N, C-alpha and C. Protein backbone atom coordinates (compact mmCIF):
# COMPACT_ATOMS: atom_id res chain seq x y z
N MET A 1 2.67 26.19 -1.42
CA MET A 1 3.52 25.61 -0.41
C MET A 1 2.82 24.56 0.38
N ALA A 2 3.56 23.67 1.01
CA ALA A 2 2.93 22.65 1.89
C ALA A 2 2.65 23.27 3.20
N GLU A 3 1.46 22.94 3.77
CA GLU A 3 1.08 23.47 5.04
C GLU A 3 0.53 22.35 5.88
N THR A 4 0.60 22.47 7.17
CA THR A 4 0.08 21.47 8.08
C THR A 4 -1.28 21.94 8.59
N GLU A 5 -2.21 20.96 8.63
CA GLU A 5 -3.57 21.37 9.12
C GLU A 5 -4.11 20.28 10.01
N ARG A 6 -4.88 20.59 10.95
CA ARG A 6 -5.57 19.68 11.84
C ARG A 6 -7.03 20.12 11.99
N GLU A 7 -7.85 19.55 11.13
CA GLU A 7 -9.28 19.85 11.15
C GLU A 7 -10.05 18.56 11.17
N PRO A 8 -11.16 18.47 11.88
CA PRO A 8 -12.01 17.31 11.74
C PRO A 8 -12.62 17.29 10.33
N GLN A 9 -12.72 16.06 9.83
CA GLN A 9 -13.22 15.96 8.43
C GLN A 9 -14.66 15.34 8.51
N ASN A 10 -15.40 15.51 7.40
CA ASN A 10 -16.72 14.93 7.33
C ASN A 10 -16.68 13.48 6.94
N ASN A 11 -15.58 13.02 6.44
CA ASN A 11 -15.43 11.63 5.98
C ASN A 11 -14.90 10.80 7.14
N PRO A 12 -15.61 9.73 7.56
CA PRO A 12 -15.16 8.94 8.69
C PRO A 12 -13.78 8.28 8.48
N LEU A 13 -13.46 7.94 7.19
CA LEU A 13 -12.15 7.36 6.97
C LEU A 13 -11.07 8.39 7.16
N ASP A 14 -11.30 9.61 6.83
CA ASP A 14 -10.27 10.66 7.09
C ASP A 14 -10.08 10.82 8.57
N ASP A 15 -11.18 10.74 9.36
CA ASP A 15 -11.04 10.93 10.80
C ASP A 15 -10.19 9.77 11.43
N VAL A 16 -10.47 8.55 10.91
CA VAL A 16 -9.68 7.40 11.42
C VAL A 16 -8.21 7.56 11.03
N ALA A 17 -7.93 7.97 9.82
CA ALA A 17 -6.55 8.21 9.40
C ALA A 17 -5.90 9.32 10.21
N ALA A 18 -6.65 10.34 10.52
CA ALA A 18 -6.12 11.46 11.33
C ALA A 18 -5.77 10.98 12.73
N ALA A 19 -6.67 10.14 13.32
CA ALA A 19 -6.40 9.57 14.63
C ALA A 19 -5.16 8.73 14.65
N ALA A 20 -5.02 7.89 13.60
CA ALA A 20 -3.79 7.07 13.47
C ALA A 20 -2.57 7.93 13.30
N SER A 21 -2.70 9.02 12.57
CA SER A 21 -1.55 9.92 12.35
C SER A 21 -1.16 10.53 13.70
N ASP A 22 -2.16 10.99 14.47
CA ASP A 22 -1.89 11.57 15.80
C ASP A 22 -1.19 10.61 16.75
N ALA A 23 -1.66 9.36 16.70
CA ALA A 23 -1.05 8.36 17.58
C ALA A 23 0.37 8.10 17.21
N LEU A 24 0.78 8.26 15.98
CA LEU A 24 2.15 8.06 15.52
C LEU A 24 2.91 9.38 15.34
N ASN A 25 2.44 10.43 15.94
CA ASN A 25 3.01 11.76 15.77
C ASN A 25 3.08 12.16 14.34
N GLY A 26 2.15 11.70 13.50
CA GLY A 26 2.14 12.10 12.07
C GLY A 26 1.46 13.42 11.89
N LYS A 27 1.60 13.98 10.76
CA LYS A 27 0.97 15.25 10.44
C LYS A 27 0.15 15.12 9.18
N THR A 28 -0.82 15.99 9.01
CA THR A 28 -1.52 16.08 7.79
C THR A 28 -0.86 17.16 6.96
N VAL A 29 -0.45 16.81 5.79
CA VAL A 29 0.25 17.74 4.89
C VAL A 29 -0.65 18.01 3.65
N THR A 30 -0.93 19.25 3.41
CA THR A 30 -1.67 19.66 2.26
C THR A 30 -0.81 20.39 1.26
N VAL A 31 -0.74 19.85 0.05
CA VAL A 31 0.06 20.48 -1.00
C VAL A 31 -0.90 20.95 -2.09
N ASN A 32 -0.90 22.28 -2.29
CA ASN A 32 -1.81 22.83 -3.27
C ASN A 32 -1.06 23.67 -4.30
N ALA A 33 -1.14 23.29 -5.58
CA ALA A 33 -0.45 23.98 -6.66
C ALA A 33 1.01 24.21 -6.37
N SER A 34 1.70 23.10 -5.93
CA SER A 34 3.07 23.18 -5.55
C SER A 34 3.77 21.87 -5.90
N THR A 35 5.09 21.83 -5.67
CA THR A 35 5.89 20.68 -5.95
C THR A 35 6.68 20.34 -4.70
N ALA A 36 6.76 19.02 -4.47
CA ALA A 36 7.55 18.54 -3.29
C ALA A 36 8.44 17.33 -3.75
N ARG A 37 9.61 17.27 -3.22
CA ARG A 37 10.51 16.18 -3.57
C ARG A 37 10.09 14.92 -2.79
N ARG A 38 9.88 15.00 -1.50
CA ARG A 38 9.55 13.87 -0.67
C ARG A 38 8.58 14.31 0.42
N ILE A 39 7.56 13.53 0.65
CA ILE A 39 6.57 13.86 1.73
C ILE A 39 6.41 12.57 2.58
N GLU A 40 6.63 12.74 3.87
CA GLU A 40 6.32 11.69 4.85
C GLU A 40 5.39 12.24 5.88
N ALA A 41 4.22 11.66 6.00
CA ALA A 41 3.25 12.22 6.92
C ALA A 41 2.21 11.19 7.22
N GLY A 42 1.33 11.50 8.13
CA GLY A 42 0.18 10.65 8.46
C GLY A 42 -0.79 10.65 7.29
N GLN A 43 -1.18 11.88 6.90
CA GLN A 43 -2.12 12.11 5.76
C GLN A 43 -1.49 13.08 4.83
N VAL A 44 -1.67 12.84 3.47
CA VAL A 44 -1.22 13.78 2.45
C VAL A 44 -2.39 14.06 1.57
N LYS A 45 -2.66 15.35 1.38
CA LYS A 45 -3.74 15.81 0.48
C LYS A 45 -3.02 16.68 -0.56
N MET A 46 -3.21 16.27 -1.84
CA MET A 46 -2.58 17.02 -2.93
C MET A 46 -3.62 17.53 -3.92
N GLN A 47 -3.48 18.76 -4.33
CA GLN A 47 -4.43 19.37 -5.30
C GLN A 47 -3.56 20.09 -6.32
N ALA A 48 -3.63 19.64 -7.62
CA ALA A 48 -2.92 20.28 -8.69
C ALA A 48 -1.40 20.43 -8.34
N SER A 49 -0.84 19.35 -7.88
CA SER A 49 0.55 19.41 -7.42
C SER A 49 1.36 18.14 -7.91
N SER A 50 2.64 18.16 -7.63
CA SER A 50 3.47 16.98 -7.97
C SER A 50 4.40 16.68 -6.84
N ALA A 51 4.80 15.37 -6.74
CA ALA A 51 5.73 14.99 -5.75
C ALA A 51 6.61 13.84 -6.24
N GLY A 52 7.83 13.77 -5.73
CA GLY A 52 8.67 12.66 -6.06
C GLY A 52 8.28 11.37 -5.39
N ALA A 53 8.17 11.39 -4.06
CA ALA A 53 7.83 10.21 -3.30
C ALA A 53 6.90 10.63 -2.12
N ILE A 54 5.90 9.80 -1.90
CA ILE A 54 5.04 10.02 -0.77
C ILE A 54 4.96 8.71 0.03
N HIS A 55 5.19 8.83 1.35
CA HIS A 55 5.01 7.74 2.28
C HIS A 55 4.09 8.23 3.38
N ALA A 56 2.86 7.62 3.45
CA ALA A 56 1.89 8.10 4.39
C ALA A 56 0.93 6.96 4.84
N HIS A 57 0.08 7.31 5.78
CA HIS A 57 -0.98 6.33 6.11
C HIS A 57 -2.10 6.47 5.09
N ALA A 58 -2.41 7.66 4.69
CA ALA A 58 -3.49 7.99 3.75
C ALA A 58 -3.06 9.08 2.75
N VAL A 59 -3.35 8.83 1.50
CA VAL A 59 -2.99 9.83 0.44
C VAL A 59 -4.30 10.13 -0.34
N SER A 60 -4.51 11.39 -0.60
CA SER A 60 -5.60 11.84 -1.47
C SER A 60 -5.02 12.79 -2.50
N MET A 61 -5.20 12.42 -3.78
CA MET A 61 -4.62 13.19 -4.87
C MET A 61 -5.73 13.66 -5.82
N GLN A 62 -5.82 14.90 -6.11
CA GLN A 62 -6.69 15.49 -7.13
C GLN A 62 -5.89 16.23 -8.16
N ASN A 63 -6.01 15.79 -9.42
CA ASN A 63 -5.28 16.47 -10.51
C ASN A 63 -3.82 16.69 -10.19
N SER A 64 -3.20 15.59 -9.76
CA SER A 64 -1.83 15.67 -9.29
C SER A 64 -0.96 14.50 -9.89
N ALA A 65 0.33 14.57 -9.64
CA ALA A 65 1.21 13.52 -10.17
C ALA A 65 2.22 13.23 -9.08
N VAL A 66 2.63 11.94 -9.07
CA VAL A 66 3.63 11.46 -8.13
C VAL A 66 4.44 10.35 -8.77
N VAL A 67 5.72 10.29 -8.47
CA VAL A 67 6.54 9.16 -8.98
C VAL A 67 6.26 7.90 -8.17
N PHE A 68 6.33 7.99 -6.84
CA PHE A 68 6.15 6.80 -5.98
C PHE A 68 5.22 7.19 -4.87
N ALA A 69 4.09 6.42 -4.76
CA ALA A 69 3.16 6.64 -3.66
C ALA A 69 3.00 5.32 -2.90
N SER A 70 3.24 5.39 -1.59
CA SER A 70 3.10 4.19 -0.73
C SER A 70 2.30 4.63 0.49
N ALA A 71 1.13 3.97 0.69
CA ALA A 71 0.27 4.31 1.79
C ALA A 71 -0.70 3.16 2.06
N GLY A 72 -1.31 3.15 3.22
CA GLY A 72 -2.33 2.22 3.52
C GLY A 72 -3.54 2.42 2.65
N SER A 73 -3.95 3.68 2.52
CA SER A 73 -5.11 4.07 1.71
C SER A 73 -4.65 5.16 0.74
N ILE A 74 -4.92 4.94 -0.53
CA ILE A 74 -4.63 5.88 -1.56
C ILE A 74 -5.85 6.17 -2.41
N GLU A 75 -6.22 7.45 -2.56
CA GLU A 75 -7.28 7.88 -3.42
C GLU A 75 -6.72 8.83 -4.47
N THR A 76 -7.00 8.56 -5.70
CA THR A 76 -6.52 9.45 -6.79
C THR A 76 -7.70 9.75 -7.74
N ASN A 77 -7.77 10.99 -8.15
CA ASN A 77 -8.79 11.44 -9.06
C ASN A 77 -8.13 12.32 -10.14
N ASP A 78 -8.23 11.88 -11.39
CA ASP A 78 -7.63 12.63 -12.52
C ASP A 78 -6.18 12.92 -12.25
N SER A 79 -5.44 11.85 -11.91
CA SER A 79 -4.05 12.02 -11.54
C SER A 79 -3.16 10.96 -12.19
N ALA A 80 -1.86 11.04 -11.95
CA ALA A 80 -0.95 10.05 -12.52
C ALA A 80 0.09 9.69 -11.42
N SER A 81 0.52 8.42 -11.52
CA SER A 81 1.48 7.89 -10.53
C SER A 81 2.35 6.89 -11.27
N LEU A 82 3.64 6.94 -11.10
CA LEU A 82 4.49 5.91 -11.75
C LEU A 82 4.42 4.57 -11.01
N PHE A 83 4.53 4.61 -9.67
CA PHE A 83 4.38 3.42 -8.86
C PHE A 83 3.38 3.67 -7.77
N THR A 84 2.39 2.81 -7.60
CA THR A 84 1.38 2.96 -6.54
C THR A 84 1.33 1.66 -5.72
N ILE A 85 1.61 1.79 -4.45
CA ILE A 85 1.61 0.65 -3.56
C ILE A 85 0.75 0.99 -2.32
N GLY A 86 -0.32 0.22 -2.09
CA GLY A 86 -1.15 0.44 -0.95
C GLY A 86 -2.04 -0.73 -0.59
N SER A 87 -2.59 -0.68 0.62
CA SER A 87 -3.59 -1.75 0.99
C SER A 87 -4.85 -1.58 0.28
N GLU A 88 -5.45 -0.37 0.33
CA GLU A 88 -6.67 -0.03 -0.38
C GLU A 88 -6.38 1.15 -1.31
N VAL A 89 -6.64 0.93 -2.62
CA VAL A 89 -6.40 2.00 -3.60
C VAL A 89 -7.66 2.30 -4.32
N THR A 90 -8.09 3.48 -4.37
CA THR A 90 -9.25 3.97 -5.11
C THR A 90 -8.78 4.92 -6.17
N MET A 91 -9.11 4.63 -7.38
CA MET A 91 -8.59 5.45 -8.49
C MET A 91 -9.74 5.83 -9.48
N LYS A 92 -9.78 7.05 -9.90
CA LYS A 92 -10.71 7.56 -10.93
C LYS A 92 -9.93 8.35 -11.92
N LYS A 93 -10.11 7.99 -13.20
CA LYS A 93 -9.38 8.69 -14.26
C LYS A 93 -7.94 8.87 -13.97
N THR A 94 -7.23 7.73 -13.76
CA THR A 94 -5.83 7.76 -13.35
C THR A 94 -5.02 6.87 -14.24
N MET A 95 -3.75 7.29 -14.48
CA MET A 95 -2.82 6.48 -15.26
C MET A 95 -1.66 6.16 -14.32
N THR A 96 -1.35 4.84 -14.21
CA THR A 96 -0.24 4.39 -13.41
C THR A 96 0.30 3.10 -13.96
N PRO A 97 1.58 3.04 -14.36
CA PRO A 97 2.18 1.85 -14.93
C PRO A 97 2.16 0.65 -13.99
N LEU A 98 2.41 0.83 -12.66
CA LEU A 98 2.50 -0.27 -11.76
C LEU A 98 1.61 -0.01 -10.53
N VAL A 99 0.67 -0.98 -10.27
CA VAL A 99 -0.17 -0.92 -9.10
C VAL A 99 0.00 -2.20 -8.33
N ILE A 100 0.36 -2.09 -7.09
CA ILE A 100 0.40 -3.23 -6.19
C ILE A 100 -0.47 -2.89 -4.98
N ALA A 101 -1.54 -3.65 -4.83
CA ALA A 101 -2.48 -3.30 -3.76
C ALA A 101 -3.27 -4.56 -3.31
N GLY A 102 -3.77 -4.46 -2.09
CA GLY A 102 -4.59 -5.55 -1.58
C GLY A 102 -5.97 -5.52 -2.20
N LYS A 103 -6.53 -4.29 -2.37
CA LYS A 103 -7.86 -4.07 -2.94
C LYS A 103 -7.82 -2.82 -3.79
N VAL A 104 -8.41 -2.87 -5.01
CA VAL A 104 -8.46 -1.77 -5.91
C VAL A 104 -9.88 -1.48 -6.30
N LYS A 105 -10.28 -0.26 -6.13
CA LYS A 105 -11.58 0.25 -6.65
C LYS A 105 -11.23 1.21 -7.74
N ALA A 106 -11.79 1.01 -8.96
CA ALA A 106 -11.26 1.81 -10.07
C ALA A 106 -12.44 2.24 -10.98
N SER A 107 -12.22 3.36 -11.60
CA SER A 107 -13.10 3.88 -12.61
C SER A 107 -12.23 4.58 -13.65
N ASP A 108 -12.22 4.01 -14.87
CA ASP A 108 -11.42 4.57 -15.98
C ASP A 108 -9.92 4.72 -15.62
N VAL A 109 -9.33 3.57 -15.34
CA VAL A 109 -7.91 3.48 -14.89
C VAL A 109 -7.15 2.73 -15.96
N ARG A 110 -5.92 3.23 -16.29
CA ARG A 110 -5.05 2.55 -17.20
C ARG A 110 -3.74 2.25 -16.49
N THR A 111 -3.25 0.99 -16.67
CA THR A 111 -2.08 0.53 -16.01
C THR A 111 -1.38 -0.51 -16.90
N VAL A 112 -0.07 -0.68 -16.73
CA VAL A 112 0.68 -1.66 -17.46
C VAL A 112 0.68 -2.99 -16.68
N PHE A 113 0.92 -2.95 -15.38
CA PHE A 113 1.09 -4.11 -14.58
C PHE A 113 0.29 -3.94 -13.30
N LEU A 114 -0.61 -4.91 -13.01
CA LEU A 114 -1.51 -4.85 -11.87
C LEU A 114 -1.33 -6.07 -11.07
N VAL A 115 -0.98 -5.88 -9.79
CA VAL A 115 -0.92 -6.98 -8.80
C VAL A 115 -1.86 -6.61 -7.67
N THR A 116 -2.92 -7.35 -7.55
CA THR A 116 -3.91 -7.07 -6.51
C THR A 116 -4.69 -8.29 -6.13
N GLY A 117 -5.25 -8.25 -4.95
CA GLY A 117 -6.07 -9.38 -4.51
C GLY A 117 -7.49 -9.25 -5.02
N LYS A 118 -8.01 -8.03 -5.12
CA LYS A 118 -9.37 -7.89 -5.54
C LYS A 118 -9.56 -6.54 -6.31
N VAL A 119 -10.28 -6.57 -7.42
CA VAL A 119 -10.47 -5.39 -8.21
C VAL A 119 -11.99 -5.15 -8.38
N GLN A 120 -12.39 -3.95 -8.15
CA GLN A 120 -13.78 -3.56 -8.48
C GLN A 120 -13.73 -2.40 -9.43
N GLY A 121 -14.47 -2.48 -10.51
CA GLY A 121 -14.46 -1.43 -11.47
C GLY A 121 -13.75 -1.74 -12.72
N LYS A 122 -13.52 -0.69 -13.52
CA LYS A 122 -12.91 -0.81 -14.87
C LYS A 122 -11.45 -0.36 -14.82
N VAL A 123 -10.58 -1.39 -15.11
CA VAL A 123 -9.12 -1.19 -15.22
C VAL A 123 -8.69 -1.72 -16.55
N GLN A 124 -8.00 -0.92 -17.31
CA GLN A 124 -7.40 -1.37 -18.55
C GLN A 124 -5.94 -1.62 -18.24
N THR A 125 -5.49 -2.93 -18.39
CA THR A 125 -4.17 -3.28 -18.04
C THR A 125 -3.50 -4.09 -19.13
N VAL A 126 -2.19 -3.99 -19.30
CA VAL A 126 -1.43 -4.71 -20.25
C VAL A 126 -1.09 -6.11 -19.64
N PHE A 127 -0.56 -6.08 -18.40
CA PHE A 127 -0.20 -7.35 -17.81
C PHE A 127 -0.82 -7.44 -16.42
N THR A 128 -1.36 -8.65 -16.13
CA THR A 128 -1.69 -9.02 -14.77
C THR A 128 -0.61 -10.02 -14.35
N ILE A 129 -0.66 -10.49 -13.16
CA ILE A 129 0.31 -11.47 -12.72
C ILE A 129 0.30 -12.73 -13.53
N TRP A 130 -0.91 -13.14 -14.01
CA TRP A 130 -1.05 -14.38 -14.79
C TRP A 130 -0.60 -14.18 -16.19
N SER A 131 -0.92 -13.03 -16.81
CA SER A 131 -0.46 -12.82 -18.20
C SER A 131 1.04 -12.62 -18.26
N ALA A 132 1.64 -12.01 -17.23
CA ALA A 132 3.14 -11.87 -17.15
C ALA A 132 3.77 -13.25 -17.00
N LEU A 133 3.19 -14.11 -16.20
CA LEU A 133 3.70 -15.45 -16.08
C LEU A 133 3.65 -16.20 -17.37
N ALA A 134 2.45 -16.14 -18.05
CA ALA A 134 2.34 -16.79 -19.34
C ALA A 134 3.32 -16.24 -20.39
N ALA A 135 3.50 -14.93 -20.42
CA ALA A 135 4.46 -14.33 -21.33
C ALA A 135 5.88 -14.82 -20.98
N GLY A 136 6.24 -14.92 -19.74
CA GLY A 136 7.54 -15.40 -19.37
C GLY A 136 7.75 -16.84 -19.75
N ILE A 137 6.77 -17.68 -19.61
CA ILE A 137 6.87 -19.08 -20.00
C ILE A 137 7.02 -19.15 -21.50
N GLY A 138 6.28 -18.35 -22.27
CA GLY A 138 6.41 -18.35 -23.72
C GLY A 138 7.75 -17.92 -24.21
N VAL A 139 8.29 -16.86 -23.59
CA VAL A 139 9.61 -16.40 -24.01
C VAL A 139 10.67 -17.41 -23.66
N GLY A 140 10.53 -18.05 -22.49
CA GLY A 140 11.49 -19.07 -22.09
C GLY A 140 11.46 -20.29 -23.03
N ALA A 141 10.24 -20.69 -23.49
CA ALA A 141 10.12 -21.84 -24.34
C ALA A 141 10.75 -21.43 -25.70
N ALA A 142 10.50 -20.19 -26.19
CA ALA A 142 11.08 -19.76 -27.45
C ALA A 142 12.58 -19.74 -27.41
N LEU A 143 13.16 -19.26 -26.32
CA LEU A 143 14.64 -19.24 -26.17
C LEU A 143 15.19 -20.64 -26.11
N PHE A 144 14.50 -21.54 -25.42
CA PHE A 144 14.93 -22.92 -25.34
C PHE A 144 14.89 -23.57 -26.70
N GLY A 145 13.86 -23.33 -27.46
CA GLY A 145 13.73 -23.89 -28.85
C GLY A 145 14.82 -23.34 -29.76
N LEU A 146 15.08 -22.02 -29.68
CA LEU A 146 16.15 -21.47 -30.50
C LEU A 146 17.51 -21.99 -30.10
N GLY A 147 17.73 -22.26 -28.84
CA GLY A 147 19.01 -22.82 -28.36
C GLY A 147 19.20 -24.25 -28.93
N LYS A 148 18.12 -25.00 -28.97
CA LYS A 148 18.18 -26.39 -29.47
C LYS A 148 18.42 -26.33 -31.02
N LEU A 149 17.80 -25.39 -31.66
CA LEU A 149 17.95 -25.24 -33.10
C LEU A 149 19.35 -24.92 -33.48
N PHE A 150 19.97 -23.96 -32.81
CA PHE A 150 21.33 -23.50 -33.13
C PHE A 150 22.40 -24.43 -32.58
N SER A 151 22.04 -25.34 -31.61
CA SER A 151 23.13 -26.21 -31.10
C SER A 151 23.43 -27.34 -32.12
N GLY A 152 22.49 -27.57 -33.01
CA GLY A 152 22.73 -28.56 -34.09
C GLY A 152 23.11 -27.90 -35.36
N ALA A 153 23.91 -26.83 -35.31
CA ALA A 153 24.25 -26.02 -36.48
C ALA A 153 25.21 -26.79 -37.39
N SER A 154 25.28 -26.43 -38.68
CA SER A 154 26.13 -27.12 -39.65
C SER A 154 27.58 -26.81 -39.32
N PRO A 155 28.51 -27.71 -39.71
CA PRO A 155 29.94 -27.45 -39.44
C PRO A 155 30.47 -26.20 -40.10
N ALA A 156 29.91 -25.84 -41.26
CA ALA A 156 30.42 -24.63 -41.96
C ALA A 156 30.16 -23.39 -41.09
N SER A 157 29.04 -23.34 -40.37
CA SER A 157 28.76 -22.21 -39.58
C SER A 157 29.53 -22.15 -38.27
N THR A 158 30.14 -23.28 -37.85
CA THR A 158 30.93 -23.32 -36.67
C THR A 158 32.37 -23.01 -36.90
N GLY A 159 32.83 -23.01 -38.13
CA GLY A 159 34.23 -22.72 -38.44
C GLY A 159 35.10 -23.91 -38.44
N ARG A 160 34.54 -25.11 -38.23
CA ARG A 160 35.31 -26.34 -38.29
C ARG A 160 35.30 -26.91 -39.68
N VAL A 161 36.41 -27.58 -40.04
CA VAL A 161 36.47 -28.16 -41.34
C VAL A 161 35.95 -29.59 -41.23
N PRO A 162 35.00 -29.99 -42.00
CA PRO A 162 34.48 -31.36 -41.90
C PRO A 162 35.56 -32.40 -42.43
N LYS A 163 35.52 -33.52 -41.83
CA LYS A 163 36.45 -34.58 -42.20
C LYS A 163 35.85 -35.26 -43.44
N VAL A 164 36.65 -35.36 -44.49
CA VAL A 164 36.21 -36.00 -45.73
C VAL A 164 36.94 -37.29 -45.86
N ALA A 165 36.26 -38.36 -46.04
CA ALA A 165 36.88 -39.66 -46.17
C ALA A 165 37.53 -39.80 -47.52
N SER A 166 38.81 -40.22 -47.53
CA SER A 166 39.53 -40.44 -48.84
C SER A 166 39.38 -41.87 -49.18
N ARG A 167 39.85 -42.20 -50.42
CA ARG A 167 39.73 -43.55 -50.89
C ARG A 167 40.59 -44.49 -50.05
N ARG A 168 41.72 -44.03 -49.59
CA ARG A 168 42.67 -44.85 -48.79
C ARG A 168 41.98 -45.24 -47.50
N GLU A 169 41.29 -44.35 -46.81
CA GLU A 169 40.68 -44.60 -45.58
C GLU A 169 39.49 -45.49 -45.69
N SER A 170 38.81 -45.49 -46.85
CA SER A 170 37.58 -46.23 -46.99
C SER A 170 37.87 -47.72 -47.27
N LYS A 171 39.11 -48.16 -47.63
CA LYS A 171 39.43 -49.54 -47.93
C LYS A 171 39.80 -50.25 -46.75
């Protein structure tokens, strides 16, 4: 089950996030071996759990899964996320189809689409913003070419009967 905790942490970033949560009346929510539909809190710590959506200042996930994670700081380790949106995202052994972040620190991460300002580490991605743009231009050019090709189609394929000149008309 989810429980609320207020303990000082040894990590200075956790302490800053906790102070920001307190200032905004946020709570630290710990989810351990459980499932939650939606979590809104200052800090979220997940261990061997799953969630539908998380909105927080800071998220830490260990061996967990989430459909949508949105936070200022997100740390994932051996986890999965369908959509990850954050200012600073740190991922280790994580699979996520869509990552949108200001800064990504990664180690053994797989993604389909990555939009970020800066990446540190190893990320295997199918599309970056530039490759998606190039693919879109390529598909657009191909469709334009096919449109031009078929616009000059033969009269038989259009269903119209071609006009045939007779001997009387040619004199």
